């Protein structure tokens, strides 16, 4: 019983991980910078996961805290209107 990789689900293409934008640019994550934070939110207002955004673990955590702070003081909205 010889099955190809695609039938078993193991034939996925491996894509190289994106380097962390904040590590490369040495840019600080500031909760007052709404334009920067919106790059890491979906249309519905959710925080984009690390595997998609390409952030390292440290900067993803900092980004999450910054988004939550900005939401709390109403710089960015919790959810977008439909």
PDB file of N, CA and C in Angstrom:
ATOM      1  N   UNK A   1       0.831  -1.161   0.000  1.00  0.00           N
ATOM      2  CA  UNK A   1       0.000   0.000   0.000  1.00  0.00           C
ATOM      3  C   UNK A   1       0.890   1.242   0.000  1.00  0.00           C
ATOM      4  N   UNK A   2       1.212   1.713  -1.183  1.00  0.00           N
ATOM      5  CA  UNK A   2       2.111   2.845  -1.338  1.00  0.00           C
ATOM      6  C   UNK A   2       1.297   4.108  -1.614  1.00  0.00           C
ATOM      7  N   UNK A   3       1.329   5.050  -0.676  1.00  0.00           N
ATOM      8  CA  UNK A   3       0.578   6.290  -0.843  1.00  0.00           C
ATOM      9  C   UNK A   3       1.547   7.459  -0.970  1.00  0.00           C
ATOM     10  N   UNK A   4       1.162   8.423  -1.754  1.00  0.00           N
ATOM     11  CA  UNK A   4       2.020   9.591  -1.926  1.00  0.00           C
ATOM     12  C   UNK A   4       1.921  10.511  -0.708  1.00  0.00           C
ATOM     13  N   UNK A   5       2.832  11.461  -0.620  1.00  0.00           N
ATOM     14  CA  UNK A   5       2.838  12.402   0.507  1.00  0.00           C
ATOM     15  C   UNK A   5       1.581  13.251   0.562  1.00  0.00           C
ATOM     16  N   UNK A   6       1.050  13.613  -0.590  1.00  0.00           N
ATOM     17  CA  UNK A   6      -0.124  14.475  -0.614  1.00  0.00           C
ATOM     18  C   UNK A   6      -1.359  13.792  -0.046  1.00  0.00           C
ATOM     19  N   UNK A   7      -1.467  12.484  -0.214  1.00  0.00           N
ATOM     20  CA  UNK A   7      -2.624  11.761   0.303  1.00  0.00           C
ATOM     21  C   UNK A   7      -2.586  11.658   1.824  1.00  0.00           C
ATOM     22  N   UNK A   8      -1.392  11.604   2.389  1.00  0.00           N
ATOM     23  CA  UNK A   8      -1.242  11.513   3.834  1.00  0.00           C
ATOM     24  C   UNK A   8      -1.269  12.885   4.497  1.00  0.00           C
ATOM     25  N   UNK A   9      -1.155  13.926   3.716  1.00  0.00           N
ATOM     26  CA  UNK A   9      -1.145  15.263   4.285  1.00  0.00           C
ATOM     27  C   UNK A   9       0.250  15.732   4.651  1.00  0.00           C
ATOM     28  N   UNK A  10       1.272  14.983   4.292  1.00  0.00           N
ATOM     29  CA  UNK A  10       2.630  15.360   4.652  1.00  0.00           C
ATOM     30  C   UNK A  10       3.353  16.111   3.554  1.00  0.00           C
ATOM     31  N   UNK A  11       2.683  16.450   2.476  1.00  0.00           N
ATOM     32  CA  UNK A  11       3.338  17.094   1.357  1.00  0.00           C
ATOM     33  C   UNK A  11       3.278  18.611   1.389  1.00  0.00           C
ATOM     34  N   UNK A  12       3.207  19.175   2.567  1.00  0.00           N
ATOM     35  CA  UNK A  12       3.160  20.632   2.672  1.00  0.00           C
ATOM     36  C   UNK A  12       4.502  21.232   2.301  1.00  0.00           C
ATOM     37  N   UNK A  13       4.442  22.396   1.706  1.00  0.00           N
ATOM     38  CA  UNK A  13       5.671  23.100   1.376  1.00  0.00           C
ATOM     39  C   UNK A  13       6.155  23.868   2.595  1.00  0.00           C
ATOM     40  N   UNK A  14       7.426  23.795   2.867  1.00  0.00           N
ATOM     41  CA  UNK A  14       8.001  24.502   4.001  1.00  0.00           C
ATOM     42  C   UNK A  14       8.371  25.910   3.559  1.00  0.00           C
ATOM     43  N   UNK A  15       7.877  26.896   4.288  1.00  0.00           N
ATOM     44  CA  UNK A  15       8.231  28.273   3.986  1.00  0.00           C
ATOM     45  C   UNK A  15       9.134  28.802   5.082  1.00  0.00           C
ATOM     46  N   UNK A  16      10.136  29.535   4.670  1.00  0.00           N
ATOM     47  CA  UNK A  16      11.092  30.096   5.612  1.00  0.00           C
ATOM     48  C   UNK A  16      10.389  31.115   6.527  1.00  0.00           C
ATOM     49  N   UNK A  17      10.737  31.097   7.827  1.00  0.00           N
ATOM     50  CA  UNK A  17      10.141  32.045   8.776  1.00  0.00           C
ATOM     51  C   UNK A  17      10.590  33.452   8.467  1.00  0.00           C
ATOM     52  N   UNK A  18       9.642  34.353   8.535  1.00  0.00           N
ATOM     53  CA  UNK A  18       9.929  35.765   8.321  1.00  0.00           C
ATOM     54  C   UNK A  18      10.742  36.301   9.494  1.00  0.00           C
ATOM     55  N   UNK A  19      11.755  37.115   9.259  1.00  0.00           N
ATOM     56  CA  UNK A  19      12.501  37.670  10.401  1.00  0.00           C
ATOM     57  C   UNK A  19      11.654  38.703  11.147  1.00  0.00           C
ATOM     58  N   UNK A  20      11.904  38.837  12.424  1.00  0.00           N
ATOM     59  CA  UNK A  20      11.146  39.768  13.247  1.00  0.00           C
ATOM     60  C   UNK A  20      11.452  41.201  12.824  1.00  0.00           C
ATOM     61  N   UNK A  21      10.402  41.941  12.521  1.00  0.00           N
ATOM     62  CA  UNK A  21      10.538  43.324  12.056  1.00  0.00           C
ATOM     63  C   UNK A  21      11.166  44.221  13.119  1.00  0.00           C
ATOM     64  N   UNK A  22      10.830  43.985  14.366  1.00  0.00           N
ATOM     65  CA  UNK A  22      11.323  44.820  15.449  1.00  0.00           C
ATOM     66  C   UNK A  22      12.778  44.506  15.796  1.00  0.00           C
ATOM     67  N   UNK A  23      13.199  43.261  15.607  1.00  0.00           N
ATOM     68  CA  UNK A  23      14.606  42.910  15.832  1.00  0.00           C
ATOM     69  C   UNK A  23      15.494  43.510  14.741  1.00  0.00           C
ATOM     70  N   UNK A  24      15.018  43.498  13.500  1.00  0.00           N
ATOM     71  CA  UNK A  24      15.806  44.032  12.391  1.00  0.00           C
ATOM     72  C   UNK A  24      15.950  45.545  12.454  1.00  0.00           C
ATOM     73  N   UNK A  25      14.841  46.240  12.680  1.00  0.00           N
ATOM     74  CA  UNK A  25      14.840  47.701  12.647  1.00  0.00           C
ATOM     75  C   UNK A  25      15.211  48.325  13.988  1.00  0.00           C
ATOM     76  N   UNK A  26      15.275  47.526  15.046  1.00  0.00           N
ATOM     77  CA  UNK A  26      15.506  48.023  16.402  1.00  0.00           C
ATOM     78  C   UNK A  26      14.493  49.106  16.769  1.00  0.00           C
ATOM     79  N   UNK A  27      13.278  48.944  16.269  1.00  0.00           N
ATOM     80  CA  UNK A  27      12.218  49.923  16.515  1.00  0.00           C
ATOM     81  C   UNK A  27      11.494  49.589  17.818  1.00  0.00           C
ATOM     82  N   UNK A  28      11.244  50.583  18.647  1.00  0.00           N
ATOM     83  CA  UNK A  28      10.498  50.315  19.883  1.00  0.00           C
ATOM     84  C   UNK A  28       9.010  50.136  19.595  1.00  0.00           C
ATOM     85  N   UNK A  29       8.359  49.349  20.428  1.00  0.00           N
ATOM     86  CA  UNK A  29       6.913  49.153  20.309  1.00  0.00           C
ATOM     87  C   UNK A  29       6.261  50.122  21.291  1.00  0.00           C
ATOM     88  N   UNK A  30       5.509  51.073  20.762  1.00  0.00           N
ATOM     89  CA  UNK A  30       4.897  52.102  21.591  1.00  0.00           C
ATOM     90  C   UNK A  30       3.377  51.998  21.478  1.00  0.00           C
ATOM     91  N   UNK A  31       2.693  51.957  22.604  1.00  0.00           N
ATOM     92  CA  UNK A  31       1.240  51.806  22.569  1.00  0.00           C
ATOM     93  C   UNK A  31       0.547  53.052  22.020  1.00  0.00           C
ATOM     94  N   UNK A  32       1.254  54.175  21.950  1.00  0.00           N
ATOM     95  CA  UNK A  32       0.657  55.408  21.426  1.00  0.00           C
ATOM     96  C   UNK A  32       0.728  55.490  19.900  1.00  0.00           C
ATOM     97  N   UNK A  33       1.470  54.581  19.281  1.00  0.00           N
ATOM     98  CA  UNK A  33       1.621  54.569  17.822  1.00  0.00           C
ATOM     99  C   UNK A  33       0.535  53.674  17.209  1.00  0.00           C
ATOM    100  N   UNK A  34      -0.629  54.256  16.965  1.00  0.00           N
ATOM    101  CA  UNK A  34      -1.779  53.488  16.487  1.00  0.00           C
ATOM    102  C   UNK A  34      -1.543  52.921  15.090  1.00  0.00           C
ATOM    103  N   UNK A  35      -0.830  53.640  14.239  1.00  0.00           N
ATOM    104  CA  UNK A  35      -0.562  53.160  12.885  1.00  0.00           C
ATOM    105  C   UNK A  35       0.253  51.880  12.876  1.00  0.00           C
ATOM    106  N   UNK A  36       1.250  51.807  13.733  1.00  0.00           N
ATOM    107  CA  UNK A  36       2.081  50.604  13.841  1.00  0.00           C
ATOM    108  C   UNK A  36       1.256  49.436  14.370  1.00  0.00           C
ATOM    109  N   UNK A  37       0.457  49.685  15.395  1.00  0.00           N
ATOM    110  CA  UNK A  37      -0.322  48.608  16.004  1.00  0.00           C
ATOM    111  C   UNK A  37      -1.384  48.072  15.053  1.00  0.00           C
ATOM    112  N   UNK A  38      -1.959  48.929  14.211  1.00  0.00           N
ATOM    113  CA  UNK A  38      -2.994  48.482  13.274  1.00  0.00           C
ATOM    114  C   UNK A  38      -2.456  47.516  12.231  1.00  0.00           C
ATOM    115  N   UNK A  39      -1.140  47.560  11.964  1.00  0.00           N
ATOM    116  CA  UNK A  39      -0.532  46.594  11.033  1.00  0.00           C
ATOM    117  C   UNK A  39      -0.618  45.168  11.573  1.00  0.00           C
ATOM    118  N   UNK A  40      -0.770  45.030  12.883  1.00  0.00           N
ATOM    119  CA  UNK A  40      -0.788  43.710  13.511  1.00  0.00           C
ATOM    120  C   UNK A  40      -2.168  43.332  14.014  1.00  0.00           C
ATOM    121  N   UNK A  41      -3.202  43.983  13.476  1.00  0.00           N
ATOM    122  CA  UNK A  41      -4.585  43.650  13.805  1.00  0.00           C
ATOM    123  C   UNK A  41      -5.316  43.246  12.530  1.00  0.00           C
ATOM    124  N   UNK A  42      -6.276  42.344  12.663  1.00  0.00           N
ATOM    125  CA  UNK A  42      -7.109  41.963  11.520  1.00  0.00           C
ATOM    126  C   UNK A  42      -8.176  43.028  11.315  1.00  0.00           C
ATOM    127  N   UNK A  43      -8.985  42.860  10.279  1.00  0.00           N
ATOM    128  CA  UNK A  43     -10.074  43.805  10.019  1.00  0.00           C
ATOM    129  C   UNK A  43     -11.081  43.816  11.169  1.00  0.00           C
ATOM    130  N   UNK A  44     -11.204  42.689  11.834  1.00  0.00           N
ATOM    131  CA  UNK A  44     -12.160  42.588  12.938  1.00  0.00           C
ATOM    132  C   UNK A  44     -11.580  43.051  14.266  1.00  0.00           C
ATOM    133  N   UNK A  45     -10.307  43.398  14.287  1.00  0.00           N
ATOM    134  CA  UNK A  45      -9.696  43.916  15.501  1.00  0.00           C
ATOM    135  C   UNK A  45      -8.928  42.897  16.314  1.00  0.00           C
ATOM    136  N   UNK A  46      -8.739  41.714  15.797  1.00  0.00           N
ATOM    137  CA  UNK A  46      -7.997  40.687  16.526  1.00  0.00           C
ATOM    138  C   UNK A  46      -6.497  40.853  16.297  1.00  0.00           C
ATOM    139  N   UNK A  47      -5.705  40.434  17.274  1.00  0.00           N
ATOM    140  CA  UNK A  47      -4.255  40.501  17.156  1.00  0.00           C
ATOM    141  C   UNK A  47      -3.802  39.349  16.259  1.00  0.00           C
ATOM    142  N   UNK A  48      -2.962  39.670  15.279  1.00  0.00           N
ATOM    143  CA  UNK A  48      -2.465  38.667  14.325  1.00  0.00           C
ATOM    144  C   UNK A  48      -1.488  37.743  15.054  1.00  0.00           C
ATOM    145  N   UNK A  49      -1.606  36.420  14.879  1.00  0.00           N
ATOM    146  CA  UNK A  49      -0.710  35.495  15.572  1.00  0.00           C
ATOM    147  C   UNK A  49       0.744  35.602  15.101  1.00  0.00           C
ATOM    148  N   UNK A  50       1.608  35.160  15.947  1.00  0.00           N
ATOM    149  CA  UNK A  50       3.050  35.248  15.726  1.00  0.00           C
ATOM    150  C   UNK A  50       3.500  34.502  14.469  1.00  0.00           C
ATOM    151  N   UNK A  51       2.920  33.356  14.197  1.00  0.00           N
ATOM    152  CA  UNK A  51       3.335  32.569  13.034  1.00  0.00           C
ATOM    153  C   UNK A  51       2.992  33.259  11.726  1.00  0.00           C
ATOM    154  N   UNK A  52       2.014  34.159  11.746  1.00  0.00           N
ATOM    155  CA  UNK A  52       1.631  34.895  10.546  1.00  0.00           C
ATOM    156  C   UNK A  52       2.367  36.228  10.464  1.00  0.00           C
ATOM    157  N   UNK A  53       2.468  36.937  11.587  1.00  0.00           N
ATOM    158  CA  UNK A  53       3.113  38.258  11.573  1.00  0.00           C
ATOM    159  C   UNK A  53       4.627  38.153  11.428  1.00  0.00           C
ATOM    160  N   UNK A  54       5.218  37.060  11.895  1.00  0.00           N
ATOM    161  CA  UNK A  54       6.661  36.885  11.789  1.00  0.00           C
ATOM    162  C   UNK A  54       7.432  37.471  12.951  1.00  0.00           C
ATOM    163  N   UNK A  55       6.753  37.906  13.997  1.00  0.00           N
ATOM    164  CA  UNK A  55       7.436  38.459  15.159  1.00  0.00           C
ATOM    165  C   UNK A  55       8.084  37.366  15.985  1.00  0.00           C
ATOM    166  N   UNK A  56       9.156  37.743  16.698  1.00  0.00           N
ATOM    167  CA  UNK A  56       9.749  36.798  17.642  1.00  0.00           C
ATOM    168  C   UNK A  56       8.873  36.776  18.897  1.00  0.00           C
ATOM    169  N   UNK A  57       9.113  35.838  19.772  1.00  0.00           N
ATOM    170  CA  UNK A  57       8.260  35.663  20.942  1.00  0.00           C
ATOM    171  C   UNK A  57       8.274  36.894  21.836  1.00  0.00           C
ATOM    172  N   UNK A  58       9.440  37.445  22.050  1.00  0.00           N
ATOM    173  CA  UNK A  58       9.572  38.616  22.925  1.00  0.00           C
ATOM    174  C   UNK A  58       8.779  39.807  22.383  1.00  0.00           C
ATOM    175  N   UNK A  59       8.946  40.088  21.107  1.00  0.00           N
ATOM    176  CA  UNK A  59       8.276  41.247  20.528  1.00  0.00           C
ATOM    177  C   UNK A  59       6.775  41.016  20.342  1.00  0.00           C
ATOM    178  N   UNK A  60       6.361  39.772  20.135  1.00  0.00           N
ATOM    179  CA  UNK A  60       4.924  39.481  20.051  1.00  0.00           C
ATOM    180  C   UNK A  60       4.254  39.761  21.396  1.00  0.00           C
ATOM    181  N   UNK A  61       4.932  39.405  22.481  1.00  0.00           N
ATOM    182  CA  UNK A  61       4.382  39.673  23.812  1.00  0.00           C
ATOM    183  C   UNK A  61       4.308  41.169  24.068  1.00  0.00           C
ATOM    184  N   UNK A  62       5.368  41.904  23.688  1.00  0.00           N
ATOM    185  CA  UNK A  62       5.358  43.360  23.856  1.00  0.00           C
ATOM    186  C   UNK A  62       4.252  43.994  23.022  1.00  0.00           C
ATOM    187  N   UNK A  63       4.077  43.492  21.813  1.00  0.00           N
ATOM    188  CA  UNK A  63       3.045  44.007  20.922  1.00  0.00           C
ATOM    189  C   UNK A  63       1.647  43.769  21.504  1.00  0.00           C
ATOM    190  N   UNK A  64       1.435  42.595  22.064  1.00  0.00           N
ATOM    191  CA  UNK A  64       0.149  42.259  22.672  1.00  0.00           C
ATOM    192  C   UNK A  64      -0.170  43.197  23.832  1.00  0.00           C
ATOM    193  N   UNK A  65       0.817  43.444  24.677  1.00  0.00           N
ATOM    194  CA  UNK A  65       0.624  44.357  25.807  1.00  0.00           C
ATOM    195  C   UNK A  65       0.325  45.764  25.297  1.00  0.00           C
ATOM    196  N   UNK A  66       1.043  46.203  24.258  1.00  0.00           N
ATOM    197  CA  UNK A  66       0.840  47.538  23.700  1.00  0.00           C
ATOM    198  C   UNK A  66      -0.560  47.679  23.108  1.00  0.00           C
ATOM    199  N   UNK A  67      -1.038  46.645  22.402  1.00  0.00           N
ATOM    200  CA  UNK A  67      -2.386  46.687  21.824  1.00  0.00           C
ATOM    201  C   UNK A  67      -3.427  46.763  22.935  1.00  0.00           C
ATOM    202  N   UNK A  68      -3.247  45.981  23.980  1.00  0.00           N
ATOM    203  CA  UNK A  68      -4.207  45.987  25.085  1.00  0.00           C
ATOM    204  C   UNK A  68      -4.215  47.324  25.812  1.00  0.00           C
ATOM    205  N   UNK A  69      -3.040  47.937  25.969  1.00  0.00           N
ATOM    206  CA  UNK A  69      -2.981  49.266  26.587  1.00  0.00           C
ATOM    207  C   UNK A  69      -3.677  50.304  25.713  1.00  0.00           C
ATOM    208  N   UNK A  70      -3.418  50.252  24.410  1.00  0.00           N
ATOM    209  CA  UNK A  70      -4.028  51.206  23.483  1.00  0.00           C
ATOM    210  C   UNK A  70      -5.546  51.033  23.450  1.00  0.00           C
ATOM    211  N   UNK A  71      -6.015  49.818  23.545  1.00  0.00           N
ATOM    212  CA  UNK A  71      -7.462  49.581  23.593  1.00  0.00           C
ATOM    213  C   UNK A  71      -8.056  50.149  24.878  1.00  0.00           C
ATOM    214  N   UNK A  72      -7.347  49.959  25.968  1.00  0.00           N
ATOM    215  CA  UNK A  72      -7.857  50.385  27.267  1.00  0.00           C
ATOM    216  C   UNK A  72      -8.031  51.894  27.344  1.00  0.00           C
ATOM    217  N   UNK A  73      -7.135  52.649  26.736  1.00  0.00           N
ATOM    218  CA  UNK A  73      -7.261  54.106  26.776  1.00  0.00           C
ATOM    219  C   UNK A  73      -7.851  54.667  25.481  1.00  0.00           C
ATOM    220  N   UNK A  74      -8.472  53.784  24.687  1.00  0.00           N
ATOM    221  CA  UNK A  74      -9.275  54.144  23.505  1.00  0.00           C
ATOM    222  C   UNK A  74      -8.482  54.789  22.369  1.00  0.00           C
ATOM    223  N   UNK A  75      -7.215  54.386  22.201  1.00  0.00           N
ATOM    224  CA  UNK A  75      -6.467  54.828  21.023  1.00  0.00           C
ATOM    225  C   UNK A  75      -6.876  54.011  19.815  1.00  0.00           C
ATOM    226  N   UNK A  76      -7.069  52.702  20.038  1.00  0.00           N
ATOM    227  CA  UNK A  76      -7.604  51.833  18.989  1.00  0.00           C
ATOM    228  C   UNK A  76      -8.858  51.148  19.554  1.00  0.00           C
ATOM    229  N   UNK A  77      -9.740  50.737  18.672  1.00  0.00           N
ATOM    230  CA  UNK A  77     -10.990  50.134  19.122  1.00  0.00           C
ATOM    231  C   UNK A  77     -10.812  48.648  19.438  1.00  0.00           C
ATOM    232  N   UNK A  78     -11.703  48.134  20.267  1.00  0.00           N
ATOM    233  CA  UNK A  78     -11.668  46.716  20.605  1.00  0.00           C
ATOM    234  C   UNK A  78     -12.075  45.874  19.402  1.00  0.00           C
ATOM    235  N   UNK A  79     -13.096  46.315  18.676  1.00  0.00           N
ATOM    236  CA  UNK A  79     -13.579  45.599  17.499  1.00  0.00           C
ATOM    237  C   UNK A  79     -14.049  46.616  16.479  1.00  0.00           C
ATOM    238  N   UNK A  80     -13.883  46.280  15.224  1.00  0.00           N
ATOM    239  CA  UNK A  80     -14.314  47.179  14.151  1.00  0.00           C
ATOM    240  C   UNK A  80     -15.806  47.049  13.942  1.00  0.00           C
ATOM    241  N   UNK A  81     -16.414  48.129  13.517  1.00  0.00           N
ATOM    242  CA  UNK A  81     -17.848  48.121  13.205  1.00  0.00           C
ATOM    243  C   UNK A  81     -18.086  47.363  11.918  1.00  0.00           C
ATOM    244  N   UNK A  82     -19.226  46.714  11.819  1.00  0.00           N
ATOM    245  CA  UNK A  82     -19.558  45.991  10.589  1.00  0.00           C
ATOM    246  C   UNK A  82     -20.290  46.870   9.639  1.00  0.00           C
TER     247      UNK A  82
END
